[in-house]
């Protein structure tokens, strides 16, 4: 698996774990089953390991990266991925709409633009 594709799979996977971990805790706080109180934190712990895989030298080489990704660069790009995954999950699973009004759309653009800048900066 090439480095960019491997990194994208890892970051999207981390985003899914974090978003659903948060959502399950939210559902429990809203009065749903205690099952969510156990599953939510478990997913958040799994996210913590998963998001850091590209910073591991062993994993980085397995997915075709020349070197591990620096922590700050990794999370700079991850913020944009997390934003996208959370918007999709909110729309699909929580019946929420996306950004409302120009201020939120501008904020969304800045998040995505910032993630792109981190990616460009880390590849130079």
C-alpha atoms as a PDB file:
ATOM      1  CA  UNK A   1       0.000   0.000   0.000  1.00  0.00           C
ATOM      2  CA  UNK A   2       1.542   3.361  -0.969  1.00  0.00           C
ATOM      3  CA  UNK A   3       2.331   5.818   1.800  1.00  0.00           C
ATOM      4  CA  UNK A   4      -0.413   8.342   1.012  1.00  0.00           C
ATOM      5  CA  UNK A   5      -3.116   5.690   0.642  1.00  0.00           C
ATOM      6  CA  UNK A   6      -1.924   3.944   3.812  1.00  0.00           C
ATOM      7  CA  UNK A   7      -1.912   7.218   5.731  1.00  0.00           C
ATOM      8  CA  UNK A   8      -5.395   8.110   4.495  1.00  0.00           C
ATOM      9  CA  UNK A   9      -6.761   4.710   5.540  1.00  0.00           C
ATOM     10  CA  UNK A  10      -5.202   5.085   8.998  1.00  0.00           C
ATOM     11  CA  UNK A  11      -6.407   8.673   9.478  1.00  0.00           C
ATOM     12  CA  UNK A  12      -9.945   7.941   8.277  1.00  0.00           C
ATOM     13  CA  UNK A  13     -10.022   4.852  10.498  1.00  0.00           C
ATOM     14  CA  UNK A  14      -8.887   6.958  13.451  1.00  0.00           C
ATOM     15  CA  UNK A  15     -11.553   9.525  12.608  1.00  0.00           C
ATOM     16  CA  UNK A  16     -14.264   6.876  12.567  1.00  0.00           C
ATOM     17  CA  UNK A  17     -13.121   5.498  15.931  1.00  0.00           C
ATOM     18  CA  UNK A  18     -13.011   8.945  17.533  1.00  0.00           C
ATOM     19  CA  UNK A  19     -16.290  10.194  16.080  1.00  0.00           C
ATOM     20  CA  UNK A  20     -18.240   7.080  17.029  1.00  0.00           C
ATOM     21  CA  UNK A  21     -16.569   6.880  20.445  1.00  0.00           C
ATOM     22  CA  UNK A  22     -17.754  10.436  21.075  1.00  0.00           C
ATOM     23  CA  UNK A  23     -21.209   9.699  19.621  1.00  0.00           C
ATOM     24  CA  UNK A  24     -21.694   6.623  21.801  1.00  0.00           C
ATOM     25  CA  UNK A  25     -20.812   8.608  24.924  1.00  0.00           C
ATOM     26  CA  UNK A  26     -23.250  11.309  23.801  1.00  0.00           C
ATOM     27  CA  UNK A  27     -25.996   8.710  23.333  1.00  0.00           C
ATOM     28  CA  UNK A  28     -25.352   7.349  26.833  1.00  0.00           C
ATOM     29  CA  UNK A  29     -25.511  10.854  28.331  1.00  0.00           C
ATOM     30  CA  UNK A  30     -28.840  11.301  26.556  1.00  0.00           C
ATOM     31  CA  UNK A  31     -30.222   8.286  28.405  1.00  0.00           C
ATOM     32  CA  UNK A  32     -29.478   5.356  26.090  1.00  0.00           C
ATOM     33  CA  UNK A  33     -28.243   1.938  27.165  1.00  0.00           C
ATOM     34  CA  UNK A  34     -25.255   1.545  29.491  1.00  0.00           C
ATOM     35  CA  UNK A  35     -23.679  -0.482  26.689  1.00  0.00           C
ATOM     36  CA  UNK A  36     -22.740   2.804  24.998  1.00  0.00           C
ATOM     37  CA  UNK A  37     -20.959   3.938  28.196  1.00  0.00           C
ATOM     38  CA  UNK A  38     -18.592   0.982  27.768  1.00  0.00           C
ATOM     39  CA  UNK A  39     -18.211   0.979  23.999  1.00  0.00           C
ATOM     40  CA  UNK A  40     -17.583   4.733  23.631  1.00  0.00           C
ATOM     41  CA  UNK A  41     -14.456   4.948  25.807  1.00  0.00           C
ATOM     42  CA  UNK A  42     -13.169   1.693  24.307  1.00  0.00           C
ATOM     43  CA  UNK A  43     -13.345   3.205  20.826  1.00  0.00           C
ATOM     44  CA  UNK A  44     -11.576   6.353  22.054  1.00  0.00           C
ATOM     45  CA  UNK A  45      -8.711   4.275  23.442  1.00  0.00           C
ATOM     46  CA  UNK A  46      -8.494   2.396  20.131  1.00  0.00           C
ATOM     47  CA  UNK A  47      -8.443   5.761  18.324  1.00  0.00           C
ATOM     48  CA  UNK A  48      -5.463   6.857  20.442  1.00  0.00           C
ATOM     49  CA  UNK A  49      -3.446   3.902  19.235  1.00  0.00           C
ATOM     50  CA  UNK A  50      -4.704   4.007  15.648  1.00  0.00           C
ATOM     51  CA  UNK A  51      -4.027   7.717  15.030  1.00  0.00           C
ATOM     52  CA  UNK A  52      -0.425   7.274  16.160  1.00  0.00           C
ATOM     53  CA  UNK A  53       0.378   4.360  13.850  1.00  0.00           C
ATOM     54  CA  UNK A  54       2.040   6.572  11.179  1.00  0.00           C
ATOM     55  CA  UNK A  55       4.420   7.906  13.847  1.00  0.00           C
ATOM     56  CA  UNK A  56       5.635   4.357  14.557  1.00  0.00           C
ATOM     57  CA  UNK A  57       8.751   3.476  12.564  1.00  0.00           C
ATOM     58  CA  UNK A  58       7.682  -0.157  12.132  1.00  0.00           C
ATOM     59  CA  UNK A  59       4.201   0.728  10.838  1.00  0.00           C
ATOM     60  CA  UNK A  60       5.496   3.574   8.665  1.00  0.00           C
ATOM     61  CA  UNK A  61       7.797   1.211   6.781  1.00  0.00           C
ATOM     62  CA  UNK A  62       5.066  -1.428   6.405  1.00  0.00           C
ATOM     63  CA  UNK A  63       2.742   1.015   4.637  1.00  0.00           C
ATOM     64  CA  UNK A  64       5.503   2.294   2.346  1.00  0.00           C
ATOM     65  CA  UNK A  65       6.538   5.501   4.104  1.00  0.00           C
ATOM     66  CA  UNK A  66      10.206   6.479   4.018  1.00  0.00           C
ATOM     67  CA  UNK A  67      10.097   7.681   7.631  1.00  0.00           C
ATOM     68  CA  UNK A  68       7.579   8.021  10.466  1.00  0.00           C
ATOM     69  CA  UNK A  69       5.375  11.130  10.476  1.00  0.00           C
ATOM     70  CA  UNK A  70       6.107  13.780  13.082  1.00  0.00           C
ATOM     71  CA  UNK A  71       3.399  14.031  15.750  1.00  0.00           C
ATOM     72  CA  UNK A  72       2.484  17.686  15.052  1.00  0.00           C
ATOM     73  CA  UNK A  73       2.326  17.127  11.293  1.00  0.00           C
ATOM     74  CA  UNK A  74       0.232  14.000  11.761  1.00  0.00           C
ATOM     75  CA  UNK A  75      -2.354  15.680  13.970  1.00  0.00           C
ATOM     76  CA  UNK A  76      -2.391  18.819  11.808  1.00  0.00           C
ATOM     77  CA  UNK A  77      -3.604  16.746   8.876  1.00  0.00           C
ATOM     78  CA  UNK A  78      -5.795  14.595  11.136  1.00  0.00           C
ATOM     79  CA  UNK A  79      -7.845  17.621  12.255  1.00  0.00           C
ATOM     80  CA  UNK A  80      -9.063  18.081   8.675  1.00  0.00           C
ATOM     81  CA  UNK A  81      -9.823  14.355   8.308  1.00  0.00           C
ATOM     82  CA  UNK A  82     -11.637  14.328  11.661  1.00  0.00           C
ATOM     83  CA  UNK A  83     -13.724  17.332  10.610  1.00  0.00           C
ATOM     84  CA  UNK A  84     -14.803  15.582   7.411  1.00  0.00           C
ATOM     85  CA  UNK A  85     -15.612  12.271   9.156  1.00  0.00           C
ATOM     86  CA  UNK A  86     -17.547  14.056  11.910  1.00  0.00           C
ATOM     87  CA  UNK A  87     -19.637  15.956   9.368  1.00  0.00           C
ATOM     88  CA  UNK A  88     -20.500  12.750   7.507  1.00  0.00           C
ATOM     89  CA  UNK A  89     -21.329  10.917  10.747  1.00  0.00           C
ATOM     90  CA  UNK A  90     -23.446  13.816  11.996  1.00  0.00           C
ATOM     91  CA  UNK A  91     -25.399  13.826   8.747  1.00  0.00           C
ATOM     92  CA  UNK A  92     -25.778  10.026   8.434  1.00  0.00           C
ATOM     93  CA  UNK A  93     -26.204   8.931  12.051  1.00  0.00           C
ATOM     94  CA  UNK A  94     -27.382  11.917  14.061  1.00  0.00           C
ATOM     95  CA  UNK A  95     -29.657  13.637  11.505  1.00  0.00           C
ATOM     96  CA  UNK A  96     -27.617  16.818  11.745  1.00  0.00           C
ATOM     97  CA  UNK A  97     -27.009  19.127   8.832  1.00  0.00           C
ATOM     98  CA  UNK A  98     -23.576  20.384   7.877  1.00  0.00           C
ATOM     99  CA  UNK A  99     -22.195  23.846   8.482  1.00  0.00           C
ATOM    100  CA  UNK A 100     -24.829  26.583   8.768  1.00  0.00           C
ATOM    101  CA  UNK A 101     -24.237  30.060   7.386  1.00  0.00           C
ATOM    102  CA  UNK A 102     -21.152  31.638   5.909  1.00  0.00           C
ATOM    103  CA  UNK A 103     -19.163  31.756   9.172  1.00  0.00           C
ATOM    104  CA  UNK A 104     -19.320  27.983   9.607  1.00  0.00           C
ATOM    105  CA  UNK A 105     -18.557  27.385   5.935  1.00  0.00           C
ATOM    106  CA  UNK A 106     -15.571  29.729   6.207  1.00  0.00           C
ATOM    107  CA  UNK A 107     -14.416  27.841   9.319  1.00  0.00           C
ATOM    108  CA  UNK A 108     -14.799  24.534   7.487  1.00  0.00           C
ATOM    109  CA  UNK A 109     -12.721  25.870   4.589  1.00  0.00           C
ATOM    110  CA  UNK A 110     -10.006  27.023   6.993  1.00  0.00           C
ATOM    111  CA  UNK A 111      -9.873  23.593   8.652  1.00  0.00           C
ATOM    112  CA  UNK A 112      -9.482  21.827   5.307  1.00  0.00           C
ATOM    113  CA  UNK A 113      -7.013  24.445   4.026  1.00  0.00           C
ATOM    114  CA  UNK A 114      -4.993  24.145   7.234  1.00  0.00           C
ATOM    115  CA  UNK A 115      -4.825  20.357   6.897  1.00  0.00           C
ATOM    116  CA  UNK A 116      -3.633  20.745   3.303  1.00  0.00           C
ATOM    117  CA  UNK A 117      -0.929  23.177   4.430  1.00  0.00           C
ATOM    118  CA  UNK A 118       0.291  20.700   7.053  1.00  0.00           C
ATOM    119  CA  UNK A 119       0.429  17.985   4.398  1.00  0.00           C
ATOM    120  CA  UNK A 120       2.328  20.206   1.967  1.00  0.00           C
ATOM    121  CA  UNK A 121       4.668  21.407   4.698  1.00  0.00           C
ATOM    122  CA  UNK A 122       5.439  17.924   5.973  1.00  0.00           C
ATOM    123  CA  UNK A 123       6.278  16.660   2.485  1.00  0.00           C
ATOM    124  CA  UNK A 124       8.901  19.383   1.883  1.00  0.00           C
END
